[in-house]
Amino acid sequence: MSLTRYTKLVFCLFIAHLSYAQNRLSPGSHFATVNGTTLHYYVAGKGPVMLFPTPGWGASMEYLKNYFHPFEQYFTMVYYDTRHSGQSKGPEDPKQYTTSFFMEDMDALRHYLNQPKVWLSGHSMGGFQVLSYGISHPNNVNGIVAIGALAGRDSLYEAEIQKAILKRKEKPYFEAGVKVLMNYDPTMTLTQAMKFIIPFYFHDEKNIEAFIKKAGSFNDQVDKYTQTANFGTEYLFPKLSSINAPTFVVVGDDDFICDKISQSDRIAKQIPQSTEVIIKDAGHFPFVEQPQSFFLECTKWFEKQGIKKQK
């Protein structure tokens, strides 16, 4: 084979590989068979690739892709259902729902999309996942957005959650909700429990109805699997200093489950290149209760990182 023909062949193979990778990032729904399972992901927007996992315990991606359209003006967003949640597949084996499996899935999806490095965003236990990935795979991360993220449970966390619960004692939902929160009933599914406890997650319970319409589905079986596997119970605080990517830590000032004092303040303190922003009058879903201020702060941080709004 002549050098010219060889060069042309290499070029054609490169173009084919590039086209194949781009097809995996074409707008819309996709399925990736990775790490022994099949993950459902949804692509929207333009710009650098940002992975956005669901929390892991059974929630589907709808609440993410229904609210995070502003991110799509800066990034190619890849929202994905974690194993067995939403439209993703997953084993019927609780042992395969540890944090390490979720990290392997995330890294396998990054490889599948042919991305040497990615941006990451995560809410709640999705925030736990992206922080964990930043610790375990620091060289594969461009930046992290941790929204109402959890990084560890300890005595300070328990004290703050107790204060946040008691702060709501005059609310009409308090009595029924606190019974569910304080008295674990293994026979009650997450779907059943949420009817009683979801008001605690909001600063203003008037926002709940609109959120539920966009929230998507829960998989109660996955919730049981992740509990059995102790998913998300690792204490990340001592390891956060190994995250070398710029990290945006954002939390509602009335978040009862992943609060400012025990979580976000300490997360931001431990990560060298971190920025922390507190959204006023917001609970665990600041992008629902205060979308204007939430997305303004996020996009300001994006632009400080050199990420421009796509036309």
Protein backbone atom coordinates (compact mmCIF):
# COMPACT_ATOMS: atom_id res chain seq x y z
CA MET A 1 0.00 0.00 0.00
CA SER A 2 1.40 3.39 -0.97
CA LEU A 3 1.93 6.09 1.65
CA THR A 4 -0.74 8.23 0.01
CA ARG A 5 -3.34 5.43 0.12
CA TYR A 6 -2.36 4.60 3.71
CA THR A 7 -2.73 8.26 4.72
CA LYS A 8 -6.16 8.41 3.10
CA LEU A 9 -7.23 5.22 4.88
CA VAL A 10 -6.12 6.55 8.26
CA PHE A 11 -7.93 9.81 7.57
CA CYS A 12 -11.13 7.98 6.59
CA LEU A 13 -10.98 5.82 9.71
CA PHE A 14 -10.48 8.92 11.84
CA ILE A 15 -13.48 10.65 10.25
CA ALA A 16 -15.59 7.51 10.71
CA HIS A 17 -14.56 7.26 14.37
CA LEU A 18 -15.29 10.96 14.93
CA SER A 19 -18.68 10.67 13.23
CA TYR A 20 -19.53 7.61 15.33
CA ALA A 21 -18.63 9.44 18.54
CA GLN A 22 -20.67 12.47 17.47
CA ASN A 23 -23.70 10.28 16.73
CA ARG A 24 -23.56 9.11 20.32
CA LEU A 25 -23.94 12.77 21.29
CA SER A 26 -26.71 13.65 18.84
CA PRO A 27 -29.75 15.31 20.47
CA GLY A 28 -32.33 13.01 22.01
CA SER A 29 -32.51 9.67 23.82
CA HIS A 30 -29.80 7.02 23.59
CA PHE A 31 -28.90 3.72 25.23
CA ALA A 32 -25.32 2.77 26.10
CA THR A 33 -24.38 -0.80 26.99
CA VAL A 34 -21.55 -0.28 29.47
CA ASN A 35 -20.15 -1.95 32.58
CA GLY A 36 -22.49 -4.92 32.28
CA THR A 37 -25.69 -2.90 32.09
CA THR A 38 -27.57 -0.56 29.75
CA LEU A 39 -27.83 3.12 30.65
CA HIS A 40 -30.41 5.45 29.19
CA TYR A 41 -29.13 8.95 28.51
CA TYR A 42 -30.55 12.07 26.92
CA VAL A 43 -28.51 14.67 25.03
CA ALA A 44 -29.45 18.34 24.70
CA GLY A 45 -27.59 21.60 24.12
CA LYS A 46 -24.24 22.66 22.70
CA GLY A 47 -20.77 23.12 24.14
CA PRO A 48 -18.43 20.99 26.25
CA VAL A 49 -19.89 17.69 27.47
CA MET A 50 -21.42 17.68 30.95
CA LEU A 51 -22.66 14.44 32.55
CA PHE A 52 -25.63 14.79 34.90
CA PRO A 53 -26.59 11.55 36.72
CA THR A 54 -29.84 10.97 38.55
CA PRO A 55 -29.51 10.60 42.35
CA GLY A 56 -29.09 6.83 42.17
CA TRP A 57 -31.81 5.65 44.53
CA GLY A 58 -34.53 5.29 41.90
CA ALA A 59 -35.50 8.74 40.60
CA SER A 60 -35.66 9.13 36.83
CA MET A 61 -34.03 11.91 34.83
CA GLU A 62 -37.21 13.85 34.00
CA TYR A 63 -36.86 16.34 36.83
CA LEU A 64 -33.35 17.18 35.63
CA LYS A 65 -34.00 17.61 31.94
CA ASN A 66 -37.26 19.47 32.65
CA TYR A 67 -35.54 22.12 34.77
CA PHE A 68 -31.96 22.48 33.54
CA HIS A 69 -32.54 23.97 30.08
CA PRO A 70 -30.33 26.99 30.98
CA PHE A 71 -27.34 24.65 31.30
CA GLU A 72 -27.95 23.56 27.69
CA GLN A 73 -26.97 27.04 26.51
CA TYR A 74 -23.43 26.38 27.77
CA PHE A 75 -22.94 22.62 27.58
CA THR A 76 -23.83 19.50 25.67
CA MET A 77 -25.86 18.08 28.51
CA VAL A 78 -25.89 14.32 28.98
CA TYR A 79 -28.60 13.56 31.52
CA TYR A 80 -28.61 9.89 32.42
CA ASP A 81 -30.68 7.46 34.43
CA THR A 82 -28.37 5.62 36.82
CA ARG A 83 -28.56 1.83 36.88
CA HIS A 84 -32.10 0.45 37.09
CA SER A 85 -33.62 3.95 37.40
CA GLY A 86 -35.86 5.45 34.75
CA GLN A 87 -35.30 3.64 31.46
CA SER A 88 -31.89 2.22 32.42
CA LYS A 89 -31.41 -1.48 33.05
CA GLY A 90 -29.80 -2.95 36.12
CA PRO A 91 -29.11 -6.25 37.86
CA GLU A 92 -31.53 -7.70 40.40
CA ASP A 93 -28.68 -7.99 42.87
CA PRO A 94 -28.29 -5.52 45.77
CA LYS A 95 -24.55 -6.17 45.89
CA GLN A 96 -24.21 -4.36 42.56
CA TYR A 97 -25.55 -1.05 43.85
CA THR A 98 -22.56 0.11 45.88
CA THR A 99 -20.99 3.50 45.19
CA SER A 100 -18.14 1.85 43.29
CA PHE A 101 -20.57 0.43 40.70
CA PHE A 102 -22.03 3.89 40.12
CA MET A 103 -18.52 5.29 39.67
CA GLU A 104 -17.67 2.53 37.19
CA ASP A 105 -20.87 3.31 35.26
CA MET A 106 -20.01 7.00 35.08
CA ASP A 107 -16.49 6.34 33.88
CA ALA A 108 -17.70 3.76 31.36
CA LEU A 109 -20.20 6.27 29.97
CA ARG A 110 -17.42 8.84 29.65
CA HIS A 111 -15.40 6.32 27.64
CA TYR A 112 -18.44 5.38 25.55
CA LEU A 113 -18.89 9.03 24.60
CA ASN A 114 -15.19 9.27 23.70
CA GLN A 115 -14.53 12.10 26.16
CA PRO A 116 -11.06 12.25 27.78
CA LYS A 117 -12.44 14.74 30.31
CA VAL A 118 -15.97 15.83 31.20
CA TRP A 119 -17.81 18.42 33.22
CA LEU A 120 -20.06 17.00 35.92
CA SER A 121 -23.22 18.18 37.62
CA GLY A 122 -25.17 16.42 40.34
CA HIS A 123 -28.06 17.17 42.67
CA SER A 124 -28.49 15.61 46.12
CA MET A 125 -27.09 12.06 45.90
CA GLY A 126 -26.17 12.90 42.33
CA GLY A 127 -23.95 15.52 43.96
CA PHE A 128 -22.47 12.77 46.11
CA GLN A 129 -21.73 10.81 42.93
CA VAL A 130 -19.96 13.61 41.08
CA LEU A 131 -17.88 14.48 44.14
CA SER A 132 -16.96 10.81 44.51
CA TYR A 133 -15.95 10.69 40.86
CA GLY A 134 -13.88 13.84 41.28
CA ILE A 135 -12.03 12.08 44.10
CA SER A 136 -11.51 8.77 42.30
CA HIS A 137 -10.92 10.12 38.76
CA PRO A 138 -9.48 13.64 39.21
CA ASN A 139 -7.72 13.66 35.85
CA ASN A 140 -10.93 13.03 33.92
CA VAL A 141 -12.86 16.02 35.25
CA ASN A 142 -12.98 19.56 33.85
CA GLY A 143 -15.24 20.95 36.55
CA ILE A 144 -18.04 20.07 38.97
CA VAL A 145 -21.39 21.60 39.90
CA ALA A 146 -22.56 20.17 43.24
CA ILE A 147 -26.17 21.14 43.99
CA GLY A 148 -27.50 20.43 47.47
CA ALA A 149 -24.88 17.70 47.66
CA LEU A 150 -24.23 15.22 50.44
CA ALA A 151 -20.64 14.37 51.40
CA GLY A 152 -21.04 12.54 54.69
CA ARG A 153 -23.22 11.92 57.72
CA ASP A 154 -21.90 12.62 61.22
CA SER A 155 -22.97 14.24 64.49
CA LEU A 156 -23.01 17.73 62.95
CA TYR A 157 -25.23 16.48 60.13
CA GLU A 158 -27.63 14.85 62.59
CA ALA A 159 -27.80 18.03 64.67
CA GLU A 160 -28.52 20.21 61.65
CA ILE A 161 -31.21 17.95 60.25
CA GLN A 162 -32.91 17.84 63.65
CA LYS A 163 -32.91 21.65 63.78
CA ALA A 164 -34.30 21.88 60.26
CA ILE A 165 -37.10 19.43 61.04
CA LEU A 166 -38.10 21.19 64.27
CA LYS A 167 -38.08 24.52 62.44
CA ARG A 168 -41.15 23.24 60.61
CA LYS A 169 -43.09 22.15 63.71
CA GLU A 170 -45.87 24.69 63.11
CA LYS A 171 -46.48 23.49 59.56
CA PRO A 172 -49.63 21.44 58.89
CA TYR A 173 -47.61 18.57 57.42
CA PHE A 174 -45.23 18.31 60.38
CA GLU A 175 -46.92 15.73 62.59
CA ALA A 176 -47.54 13.12 59.89
CA GLY A 177 -44.21 13.78 58.19
CA VAL A 178 -42.04 13.60 61.28
CA LYS A 179 -43.47 10.17 62.15
CA VAL A 180 -42.22 8.86 58.81
CA LEU A 181 -38.85 10.61 59.11
CA MET A 182 -38.15 9.51 62.68
CA ASN A 183 -39.63 6.00 62.65
CA TYR A 184 -38.22 3.92 59.82
CA ASP A 185 -40.79 1.46 58.50
CA PRO A 186 -39.23 -1.15 56.17
CA THR A 187 -42.66 -2.03 54.80
CA MET A 188 -43.23 1.52 53.51
CA THR A 189 -41.95 2.22 50.01
CA LEU A 190 -40.22 5.45 49.04
CA THR A 191 -43.21 6.38 46.89
CA GLN A 192 -45.51 5.99 49.90
CA ALA A 193 -43.16 7.88 52.23
CA MET A 194 -42.73 10.80 49.85
CA LYS A 195 -46.39 11.74 50.20
CA PHE A 196 -45.67 12.62 53.83
CA ILE A 197 -42.10 13.93 53.76
CA ILE A 198 -41.78 15.88 50.51
CA PRO A 199 -42.94 19.19 52.11
CA PHE A 200 -39.80 19.15 54.28
CA TYR A 201 -37.71 19.44 51.10
CA PHE A 202 -39.22 22.80 50.17
CA HIS A 203 -38.95 26.29 51.63
CA ASP A 204 -42.48 26.98 50.41
CA GLU A 205 -44.73 23.95 50.04
CA LYS A 206 -46.77 25.84 47.43
CA ASN A 207 -44.02 24.89 44.96
CA ILE A 208 -44.59 21.15 45.38
CA GLU A 209 -47.50 20.68 42.99
CA ALA A 210 -45.65 22.20 40.02
CA PHE A 211 -42.55 20.14 40.82
CA ILE A 212 -44.43 16.84 40.99
CA LYS A 213 -45.77 17.41 37.48
CA LYS A 214 -42.17 17.50 36.19
CA ALA A 215 -40.56 15.06 38.60
CA GLY A 216 -40.81 11.80 36.66
CA SER A 217 -40.89 8.38 38.29
CA PHE A 218 -39.41 6.52 41.27
CA ASN A 219 -38.25 2.92 41.30
CA ASP A 220 -38.89 1.59 44.79
CA GLN A 221 -36.90 -1.59 44.12
CA VAL A 222 -33.76 0.43 43.39
CA ASP A 223 -34.24 2.35 46.62
CA LYS A 224 -34.20 -0.97 48.50
CA TYR A 225 -31.14 -2.18 46.59
CA THR A 226 -29.14 0.98 47.29
CA GLN A 227 -30.05 0.88 50.98
CA THR A 228 -28.96 -2.75 51.23
CA ALA A 229 -25.71 -1.93 49.42
CA ASN A 230 -25.03 1.13 51.63
CA PHE A 231 -24.79 3.29 48.53
CA GLY A 232 -23.71 6.83 49.33
CA THR A 233 -22.68 6.19 52.93
CA GLU A 234 -18.97 6.90 52.42
CA TYR A 235 -17.55 9.85 54.36
CA LEU A 236 -16.04 12.04 51.64
CA PHE A 237 -14.87 15.09 53.59
CA PRO A 238 -11.27 13.95 54.26
CA LYS A 239 -10.83 13.07 50.56
CA LEU A 240 -12.34 16.17 48.95
CA SER A 241 -8.99 17.97 48.85
CA SER A 242 -7.90 15.56 46.10
CA ILE A 243 -10.44 17.13 43.71
CA ASN A 244 -8.33 19.37 41.50
CA ALA A 245 -11.08 20.66 39.21
CA PRO A 246 -12.94 23.94 39.80
CA THR A 247 -16.10 23.16 41.76
CA PHE A 248 -19.28 25.18 42.18
CA VAL A 249 -21.08 24.34 45.43
CA VAL A 250 -24.64 25.67 45.55
CA VAL A 251 -27.30 25.08 48.19
CA GLY A 252 -30.65 26.46 49.30
CA ASP A 253 -30.53 28.29 52.63
CA ASP A 254 -33.47 26.18 53.86
CA ASP A 255 -32.29 22.77 52.62
CA PHE A 256 -33.13 20.38 55.43
CA ILE A 257 -31.60 17.17 54.02
CA CYS A 258 -28.27 18.45 52.59
CA ASP A 259 -27.84 21.64 54.55
CA LYS A 260 -25.38 24.51 54.27
CA ILE A 261 -23.59 24.12 57.62
CA SER A 262 -22.89 20.38 57.76
CA GLN A 263 -22.52 19.83 54.01
CA SER A 264 -21.96 22.69 51.54
CA ASP A 265 -19.78 24.83 53.81
CA ARG A 266 -17.48 21.91 54.57
CA ILE A 267 -17.46 20.68 50.96
CA ALA A 268 -16.37 24.10 49.74
CA LYS A 269 -13.77 24.42 52.49
CA GLN A 270 -12.10 21.12 51.55
CA ILE A 271 -11.95 21.57 47.76
CA PRO A 272 -9.07 23.86 46.72
CA GLN A 273 -10.75 25.47 43.69
CA SER A 274 -14.26 25.85 45.05
CA THR A 275 -16.89 28.57 44.98
CA GLU A 276 -19.91 28.39 47.28
CA VAL A 277 -23.21 30.19 46.69
CA ILE A 278 -26.26 30.14 48.96
CA ILE A 279 -29.67 30.59 47.33
CA LYS A 280 -32.05 32.45 49.63
CA ASP A 281 -35.57 31.23 50.34
CA ALA A 282 -34.97 27.82 48.82
CA GLY A 283 -34.98 24.26 50.09
CA HIS A 284 -33.48 21.15 48.52
CA PHE A 285 -34.60 22.21 45.03
CA PRO A 286 -33.27 25.77 44.57
CA PHE A 287 -33.65 25.48 40.80
CA VAL A 288 -37.40 24.96 41.35
CA GLU A 289 -38.05 27.54 44.07
CA GLN A 290 -35.65 30.28 42.96
CA PRO A 291 -34.81 29.53 39.31
CA GLN A 292 -33.81 33.07 38.38
CA SER A 293 -31.18 33.51 41.09
CA PHE A 294 -30.05 29.88 40.88
CA PHE A 295 -29.35 29.88 37.16
CA LEU A 296 -27.90 33.40 37.23
CA GLU A 297 -25.29 32.28 39.77
CA CYS A 298 -24.55 29.10 37.83
CA THR A 299 -24.09 30.85 34.49
CA LYS A 300 -21.89 33.53 36.08
CA TRP A 301 -19.64 30.76 37.35
CA PHE A 302 -19.62 29.03 33.94
CA GLU A 303 -18.42 32.22 32.28
CA LYS A 304 -15.71 32.67 34.92
CA GLN A 305 -14.48 29.21 33.89
CA GLY A 306 -14.28 30.36 30.27
CA ILE A 307 -17.46 28.58 29.15
CA LYS A 308 -19.34 30.85 26.76
CA LYS A 309 -23.04 30.85 26.01
CA GLN A 310 -23.64 28.98 22.76
CA LYS A 311 -25.45 30.68 19.91
